[in-house]
PDB file of all heavy atoms in Angstrom:
ATOM      1  N   PRO A   1      56.306 125.247 166.607  1.00  0.00           N
ATOM      2  CA  PRO A   1      55.037 124.568 166.778  1.00  0.00           C
ATOM      3  C   PRO A   1      54.165 125.201 167.793  1.00  0.00           C
ATOM      4  O   PRO A   1      54.615 125.596 168.895  1.00  0.00           O
ATOM      5  CB  PRO A   1      55.456 123.115 167.168  1.00  0.00           C
ATOM      6  CG  PRO A   1      56.739 123.266 167.740  1.00  0.00           C
ATOM      7  CD  PRO A   1      57.429 124.494 167.044  1.00  0.00           C
ATOM      8  N   PRO A   2      52.868 125.327 167.594  1.00  0.00           N
ATOM      9  CA  PRO A   2      51.947 125.890 168.591  1.00  0.00           C
ATOM     10  C   PRO A   2      51.775 124.961 169.781  1.00  0.00           C
ATOM     11  O   PRO A   2      51.775 123.762 169.678  1.00  0.00           O
ATOM     12  CB  PRO A   2      50.604 126.060 167.843  1.00  0.00           C
ATOM     13  CG  PRO A   2      50.712 125.062 166.713  1.00  0.00           C
ATOM     14  CD  PRO A   2      52.160 124.906 166.346  1.00  0.00           C
ATOM     15  N   GLY A   3      51.742 125.535 170.966  1.00  0.00           N
ATOM     16  CA  GLY A   3      51.465 124.838 172.179  1.00  0.00           C
ATOM     17  C   GLY A   3      52.635 124.027 172.731  1.00  0.00           C
ATOM     18  O   GLY A   3      52.511 123.250 173.649  1.00  0.00           O
ATOM     19  N   MET A   4      53.831 124.245 172.169  1.00  0.00           N
ATOM     20  CA  MET A   4      55.005 123.551 172.655  1.00  0.00           C
ATOM     21  C   MET A   4      55.516 124.242 173.946  1.00  0.00           C
ATOM     22  O   MET A   4      55.590 125.440 173.954  1.00  0.00           O
ATOM     23  CB  MET A   4      56.118 123.509 171.605  1.00  0.00           C
ATOM     24  CG  MET A   4      57.351 122.937 172.140  1.00  0.00           C
ATOM     25  SD  MET A   4      58.269 121.749 171.179  1.00  0.00           S
ATOM     26  CE  MET A   4      57.185 120.914 170.163  1.00  0.00           C
ATOM     27  N   PRO A   5      55.809 123.446 174.983  1.00  0.00           N
ATOM     28  CA  PRO A   5      56.377 124.100 176.191  1.00  0.00           C
ATOM     29  C   PRO A   5      57.671 124.809 175.923  1.00  0.00           C
ATOM     30  O   PRO A   5      58.425 124.419 175.102  1.00  0.00           O
ATOM     31  CB  PRO A   5      56.633 122.856 177.113  1.00  0.00           C
ATOM     32  CG  PRO A   5      55.852 121.743 176.547  1.00  0.00           C
ATOM     33  CD  PRO A   5      55.690 122.023 175.080  1.00  0.00           C
ATOM     34  N   PHE A   6      57.850 125.931 176.612  1.00  0.00           N
ATOM     35  CA  PHE A   6      58.990 126.788 176.409  1.00  0.00           C
ATOM     36  C   PHE A   6      60.302 126.051 176.494  1.00  0.00           C
ATOM     37  O   PHE A   6      61.163 126.315 175.636  1.00  0.00           O
ATOM     38  CB  PHE A   6      58.952 127.921 177.473  1.00  0.00           C
ATOM     39  CG  PHE A   6      60.131 128.825 177.439  1.00  0.00           C
ATOM     40  CD1 PHE A   6      60.269 129.753 176.421  1.00  0.00           C
ATOM     41  CD2 PHE A   6      61.135 128.702 178.379  1.00  0.00           C
ATOM     42  CE1 PHE A   6      61.384 130.565 176.337  1.00  0.00           C
ATOM     43  CE2 PHE A   6      62.250 129.500 178.347  1.00  0.00           C
ATOM     44  CZ  PHE A   6      62.364 130.491 177.326  1.00  0.00           C
ATOM     45  N   PHE A   7      60.470 125.189 177.443  1.00  0.00           N
ATOM     46  CA  PHE A   7      61.769 124.538 177.633  1.00  0.00           C
ATOM     47  C   PHE A   7      62.144 123.542 176.540  1.00  0.00           C
ATOM     48  O   PHE A   7      63.260 123.095 176.464  1.00  0.00           O
ATOM     49  CB  PHE A   7      61.909 123.936 179.006  1.00  0.00           C
ATOM     50  CG  PHE A   7      60.835 122.908 179.277  1.00  0.00           C
ATOM     51  CD1 PHE A   7      61.078 121.559 178.995  1.00  0.00           C
ATOM     52  CD2 PHE A   7      59.618 123.275 179.867  1.00  0.00           C
ATOM     53  CE1 PHE A   7      60.141 120.612 179.252  1.00  0.00           C
ATOM     54  CE2 PHE A   7      58.667 122.263 180.134  1.00  0.00           C
ATOM     55  CZ  PHE A   7      58.927 120.950 179.785  1.00  0.00           C
ATOM     56  N   VAL A   8      61.157 123.120 175.726  1.00  0.00           N
ATOM     57  CA  VAL A   8      61.388 122.177 174.713  1.00  0.00           C
ATOM     58  C   VAL A   8      61.525 122.801 173.319  1.00  0.00           C
ATOM     59  O   VAL A   8      62.077 122.225 172.352  1.00  0.00           O
ATOM     60  CB  VAL A   8      60.231 121.143 174.626  1.00  0.00           C
ATOM     61  CG1 VAL A   8      60.427 120.090 173.562  1.00  0.00           C
ATOM     62  CG2 VAL A   8      60.008 120.483 176.008  1.00  0.00           C
ATOM     63  N   LYS A   9      61.192 124.086 173.196  1.00  0.00           N
ATOM     64  CA  LYS A   9      61.200 124.784 171.884  1.00  0.00           C
ATOM     65  C   LYS A   9      62.513 124.768 171.183  1.00  0.00           C
ATOM     66  O   LYS A   9      62.584 124.670 169.952  1.00  0.00           O
ATOM     67  CB  LYS A   9      60.714 126.211 172.020  1.00  0.00           C
ATOM     68  CG  LYS A   9      59.219 126.340 172.138  1.00  0.00           C
ATOM     69  CD  LYS A   9      58.723 127.781 172.029  1.00  0.00           C
ATOM     70  CE  LYS A   9      57.230 127.765 172.012  1.00  0.00           C
ATOM     71  NZ  LYS A   9      56.727 129.024 171.662  1.00  0.00           N
ATOM     72  N   PRO A  10      63.640 124.830 171.865  1.00  0.00           N
ATOM     73  CA  PRO A  10      64.948 124.754 171.053  1.00  0.00           C
ATOM     74  C   PRO A  10      65.169 123.485 170.317  1.00  0.00           C
ATOM     75  O   PRO A  10      65.828 123.489 169.286  1.00  0.00           O
ATOM     76  CB  PRO A  10      66.021 124.891 172.163  1.00  0.00           C
ATOM     77  CG  PRO A  10      65.343 125.548 173.293  1.00  0.00           C
ATOM     78  CD  PRO A  10      63.879 125.097 173.254  1.00  0.00           C
ATOM     79  N   LEU A  11      64.556 122.352 170.693  1.00  0.00           N
ATOM     80  CA  LEU A  11      64.785 121.104 170.052  1.00  0.00           C
ATOM     81  C   LEU A  11      64.256 121.055 168.635  1.00  0.00           C
ATOM     82  O   LEU A  11      64.986 120.709 167.703  1.00  0.00           O
ATOM     83  CB  LEU A  11      64.224 119.943 170.848  1.00  0.00           C
ATOM     84  CG  LEU A  11      64.965 119.697 172.203  1.00  0.00           C
ATOM     85  CD1 LEU A  11      64.231 118.617 172.959  1.00  0.00           C
ATOM     86  CD2 LEU A  11      66.396 119.351 171.969  1.00  0.00           C
ATOM     87  N   PRO A  12      63.049 121.409 168.391  1.00  0.00           N
ATOM     88  CA  PRO A  12      62.558 121.402 166.971  1.00  0.00           C
ATOM     89  C   PRO A  12      63.290 122.440 166.121  1.00  0.00           C
ATOM     90  O   PRO A  12      63.523 122.217 164.913  1.00  0.00           O
ATOM     91  CB  PRO A  12      61.049 121.736 167.065  1.00  0.00           C
ATOM     92  CG  PRO A  12      60.808 122.048 168.450  1.00  0.00           C
ATOM     93  CD  PRO A  12      61.928 121.643 169.311  1.00  0.00           C
ATOM     94  N   ARG A  13      63.666 123.564 166.719  1.00  0.00           N
ATOM     95  CA  ARG A  13      64.440 124.566 165.970  1.00  0.00           C
ATOM     96  C   ARG A  13      65.755 124.010 165.502  1.00  0.00           C
ATOM     97  O   ARG A  13      66.206 124.233 164.420  1.00  0.00           O
ATOM     98  CB  ARG A  13      64.628 125.846 166.793  1.00  0.00           C
ATOM     99  CG  ARG A  13      63.379 126.617 166.965  1.00  0.00           C
ATOM    100  CD  ARG A  13      63.640 127.914 167.695  1.00  0.00           C
ATOM    101  NE  ARG A  13      62.367 128.569 168.015  1.00  0.00           N
ATOM    102  CZ  ARG A  13      62.146 129.250 169.095  1.00  0.00           C
ATOM    103  NH1 ARG A  13      63.035 129.384 169.984  1.00  0.00           N
ATOM    104  NH2 ARG A  13      60.971 129.762 169.286  1.00  0.00           N
ATOM    105  N   LEU A  14      66.433 123.294 166.416  1.00  0.00           N
ATOM    106  CA  LEU A  14      67.719 122.647 166.077  1.00  0.00           C
ATOM    107  C   LEU A  14      67.563 121.638 164.984  1.00  0.00           C
ATOM    108  O   LEU A  14      68.366 121.658 164.026  1.00  0.00           O
ATOM    109  CB  LEU A  14      68.266 122.049 167.351  1.00  0.00           C
ATOM    110  CG  LEU A  14      69.625 121.308 167.229  1.00  0.00           C
ATOM    111  CD1 LEU A  14      70.712 122.319 166.933  1.00  0.00           C
ATOM    112  CD2 LEU A  14      69.925 120.509 168.418  1.00  0.00           C
ATOM    113  N   VAL A  15      66.584 120.764 165.112  1.00  0.00           N
ATOM    114  CA  VAL A  15      66.356 119.766 164.069  1.00  0.00           C
ATOM    115  C   VAL A  15      66.057 120.390 162.729  1.00  0.00           C
ATOM    116  O   VAL A  15      66.598 120.049 161.698  1.00  0.00           O
ATOM    117  CB  VAL A  15      65.272 118.780 164.466  1.00  0.00           C
ATOM    118  CG1 VAL A  15      64.866 117.846 163.367  1.00  0.00           C
ATOM    119  CG2 VAL A  15      65.703 117.959 165.713  1.00  0.00           C
ATOM    120  N   ALA A  16      65.102 121.329 162.735  1.00  0.00           N
ATOM    121  CA  ALA A  16      64.698 122.013 161.475  1.00  0.00           C
ATOM    122  C   ALA A  16      65.910 122.739 160.851  1.00  0.00           C
ATOM    123  O   ALA A  16      66.079 122.753 159.659  1.00  0.00           O
ATOM    124  CB  ALA A  16      63.532 122.956 161.735  1.00  0.00           C
ATOM    125  N   GLY A  17      66.738 123.341 161.665  1.00  0.00           N
ATOM    126  CA  GLY A  17      67.912 124.058 161.174  1.00  0.00           C
ATOM    127  C   GLY A  17      68.874 123.156 160.491  1.00  0.00           C
ATOM    128  O   GLY A  17      69.437 123.450 159.422  1.00  0.00           O
ATOM    129  N   GLN A  18      69.087 121.929 161.068  1.00  0.00           N
ATOM    130  CA  GLN A  18      69.985 120.960 160.444  1.00  0.00           C
ATOM    131  C   GLN A  18      69.415 120.461 159.145  1.00  0.00           C
ATOM    132  O   GLN A  18      70.193 120.220 158.224  1.00  0.00           O
ATOM    133  CB  GLN A  18      70.292 119.809 161.444  1.00  0.00           C
ATOM    134  CG  GLN A  18      71.029 120.243 162.644  1.00  0.00           C
ATOM    135  CD  GLN A  18      72.403 120.817 162.284  1.00  0.00           C
ATOM    136  OE1 GLN A  18      73.105 120.289 161.440  1.00  0.00           O
ATOM    137  NE2 GLN A  18      72.730 121.892 162.920  1.00  0.00           N
ATOM    138  N   VAL A  19      68.167 120.218 159.082  1.00  0.00           N
ATOM    139  CA  VAL A  19      67.512 119.693 157.852  1.00  0.00           C
ATOM    140  C   VAL A  19      67.665 120.796 156.727  1.00  0.00           C
ATOM    141  O   VAL A  19      68.051 120.506 155.629  1.00  0.00           O
ATOM    142  CB  VAL A  19      66.067 119.399 158.067  1.00  0.00           C
ATOM    143  CG1 VAL A  19      65.321 119.134 156.758  1.00  0.00           C
ATOM    144  CG2 VAL A  19      65.937 118.183 158.959  1.00  0.00           C
ATOM    145  N   GLU A  20      67.362 122.057 157.051  1.00  0.00           N
ATOM    146  CA  GLU A  20      67.537 123.139 156.103  1.00  0.00           C
ATOM    147  C   GLU A  20      68.952 123.264 155.621  1.00  0.00           C
ATOM    148  O   GLU A  20      69.191 123.476 154.442  1.00  0.00           O
ATOM    149  CB  GLU A  20      67.063 124.470 156.708  1.00  0.00           C
ATOM    150  CG  GLU A  20      65.550 124.611 156.793  1.00  0.00           C
ATOM    151  CD  GLU A  20      65.171 125.924 157.426  1.00  0.00           C
ATOM    152  OE1 GLU A  20      65.888 126.471 158.242  1.00  0.00           O
ATOM    153  OE2 GLU A  20      64.125 126.452 157.035  1.00  0.00           O
ATOM    154  N   LYS A  21      69.910 123.135 156.528  1.00  0.00           N
ATOM    155  CA  LYS A  21      71.323 123.285 156.167  1.00  0.00           C
ATOM    156  C   LYS A  21      71.735 122.191 155.229  1.00  0.00           C
ATOM    157  O   LYS A  21      72.377 122.466 154.195  1.00  0.00           O
ATOM    158  CB  LYS A  21      72.128 123.181 157.428  1.00  0.00           C
ATOM    159  CG  LYS A  21      73.607 123.453 157.231  1.00  0.00           C
ATOM    160  CD  LYS A  21      74.333 123.396 158.591  1.00  0.00           C
ATOM    161  CE  LYS A  21      75.827 123.598 158.433  1.00  0.00           C
ATOM    162  NZ  LYS A  21      76.534 123.511 159.697  1.00  0.00           N
ATOM    163  N   ALA A  22      71.353 120.971 155.454  1.00  0.00           N
ATOM    164  CA  ALA A  22      71.666 119.846 154.576  1.00  0.00           C
ATOM    165  C   ALA A  22      70.990 120.030 153.196  1.00  0.00           C
ATOM    166  O   ALA A  22      71.667 119.780 152.134  1.00  0.00           O
ATOM    167  CB  ALA A  22      71.268 118.539 155.177  1.00  0.00           C
ATOM    168  N   PHE A  23      69.764 120.404 153.154  1.00  0.00           N
ATOM    169  CA  PHE A  23      69.044 120.591 151.969  1.00  0.00           C
ATOM    170  C   PHE A  23      69.622 121.724 151.106  1.00  0.00           C
ATOM    171  O   PHE A  23      69.845 121.610 149.934  1.00  0.00           O
ATOM    172  CB  PHE A  23      67.584 120.895 152.248  1.00  0.00           C
ATOM    173  CG  PHE A  23      66.736 121.043 151.027  1.00  0.00           C
ATOM    174  CD1 PHE A  23      66.344 119.949 150.277  1.00  0.00           C
ATOM    175  CD2 PHE A  23      66.312 122.307 150.635  1.00  0.00           C
ATOM    176  CE1 PHE A  23      65.562 120.077 149.122  1.00  0.00           C
ATOM    177  CE2 PHE A  23      65.478 122.468 149.521  1.00  0.00           C
ATOM    178  CZ  PHE A  23      65.135 121.349 148.757  1.00  0.00           C
ATOM    179  N   LEU A  24      69.954 122.806 151.766  1.00  0.00           N
ATOM    180  CA  LEU A  24      70.536 123.997 151.068  1.00  0.00           C
ATOM    181  C   LEU A  24      71.903 123.658 150.519  1.00  0.00           C
ATOM    182  O   LEU A  24      72.147 124.001 149.342  1.00  0.00           O
ATOM    183  CB  LEU A  24      70.632 125.173 152.081  1.00  0.00           C
ATOM    184  CG  LEU A  24      71.088 126.513 151.561  1.00  0.00           C
ATOM    185  CD1 LEU A  24      70.156 126.963 150.424  1.00  0.00           C
ATOM    186  CD2 LEU A  24      71.226 127.504 152.606  1.00  0.00           C
ATOM    187  N   ALA A  25      72.707 122.982 151.195  1.00  0.00           N
ATOM    188  CA  ALA A  25      74.065 122.616 150.702  1.00  0.00           C
ATOM    189  C   ALA A  25      73.958 121.773 149.492  1.00  0.00           C
ATOM    190  O   ALA A  25      74.706 122.003 148.499  1.00  0.00           O
ATOM    191  CB  ALA A  25      74.855 121.884 151.791  1.00  0.00           C
ATOM    192  N   ARG A  26      73.042 120.820 149.426  1.00  0.00           N
ATOM    193  CA  ARG A  26      72.903 119.961 148.256  1.00  0.00           C
ATOM    194  C   ARG A  26      72.369 120.782 147.075  1.00  0.00           C
ATOM    195  O   ARG A  26      72.826 120.570 145.918  1.00  0.00           O
ATOM    196  CB  ARG A  26      71.937 118.830 148.626  1.00  0.00           C
ATOM    197  CG  ARG A  26      71.968 117.676 147.673  1.00  0.00           C
ATOM    198  CD  ARG A  26      71.190 116.521 148.149  1.00  0.00           C
ATOM    199  NE  ARG A  26      70.685 116.781 149.537  1.00  0.00           N
ATOM    200  CZ  ARG A  26      69.619 116.178 150.038  1.00  0.00           C
ATOM    201  NH1 ARG A  26      68.981 115.318 149.347  1.00  0.00           N
ATOM    202  NH2 ARG A  26      69.231 116.434 151.225  1.00  0.00           N
ATOM    203  N   ASN A  27      71.457 121.682 147.337  1.00  0.00           N
ATOM    204  CA  ASN A  27      70.871 122.489 146.245  1.00  0.00           C
ATOM    205  C   ASN A  27      71.932 123.429 145.668  1.00  0.00           C
ATOM    206  O   ASN A  27      72.018 123.637 144.448  1.00  0.00           O
ATOM    207  CB  ASN A  27      69.670 123.280 146.711  1.00  0.00           C
ATOM    208  CG  ASN A  27      68.380 122.467 146.646  1.00  0.00           C
ATOM    209  OD1 ASN A  27      68.363 121.494 145.984  1.00  0.00           O
ATOM    210  ND2 ASN A  27      67.425 122.939 147.401  1.00  0.00           N
ATOM    211  N   ILE A  28      72.751 124.018 146.535  1.00  0.00           N
ATOM    212  CA  ILE A  28      73.774 124.956 146.083  1.00  0.00           C
ATOM    213  C   ILE A  28      74.760 124.232 145.158  1.00  0.00           C
ATOM    214  O   ILE A  28      75.057 124.715 144.095  1.00  0.00           O
ATOM    215  CB  ILE A  28      74.495 125.637 147.229  1.00  0.00           C
ATOM    216  CG1 ILE A  28      73.591 126.656 147.920  1.00  0.00           C
ATOM    217  CG2 ILE A  28      75.780 126.276 146.800  1.00  0.00           C
ATOM    218  CD1 ILE A  28      74.069 127.318 149.170  1.00  0.00           C
ATOM    219  N   GLN A  29      75.157 123.052 145.567  1.00  0.00           N
ATOM    220  CA  GLN A  29      76.094 122.253 144.782  1.00  0.00           C
ATOM    221  C   GLN A  29      75.523 121.967 143.380  1.00  0.00           C
ATOM    222  O   GLN A  29      76.180 122.139 142.376  1.00  0.00           O
ATOM    223  CB  GLN A  29      76.459 120.931 145.520  1.00  0.00           C
ATOM    224  CG  GLN A  29      77.512 120.124 144.810  1.00  0.00           C
ATOM    225  CD  GLN A  29      78.893 120.723 144.893  1.00  0.00           C
ATOM    226  OE1 GLN A  29      79.189 121.545 145.767  1.00  0.00           O
ATOM    227  NE2 GLN A  29      79.688 120.352 143.970  1.00  0.00           N
ATOM    228  N   SER A  30      74.295 121.602 143.323  1.00  0.00           N
ATOM    229  CA  SER A  30      73.663 121.295 142.042  1.00  0.00           C
ATOM    230  C   SER A  30      73.530 122.505 141.140  1.00  0.00           C
ATOM    231  O   SER A  30      73.682 122.453 139.933  1.00  0.00           O
ATOM    232  CB  SER A  30      72.342 120.547 142.184  1.00  0.00           C
ATOM    233  OG  SER A  30      71.376 121.406 142.819  1.00  0.00           O
TER     234      SER A  30
END
């Protein structure tokens, strides 16, 4: 995200990574 402070940037990456992982696993199974 633009304008996000440096020390907070890992949090959205972590959340987005978990969402992608769950979505990908479900799609692969189907």
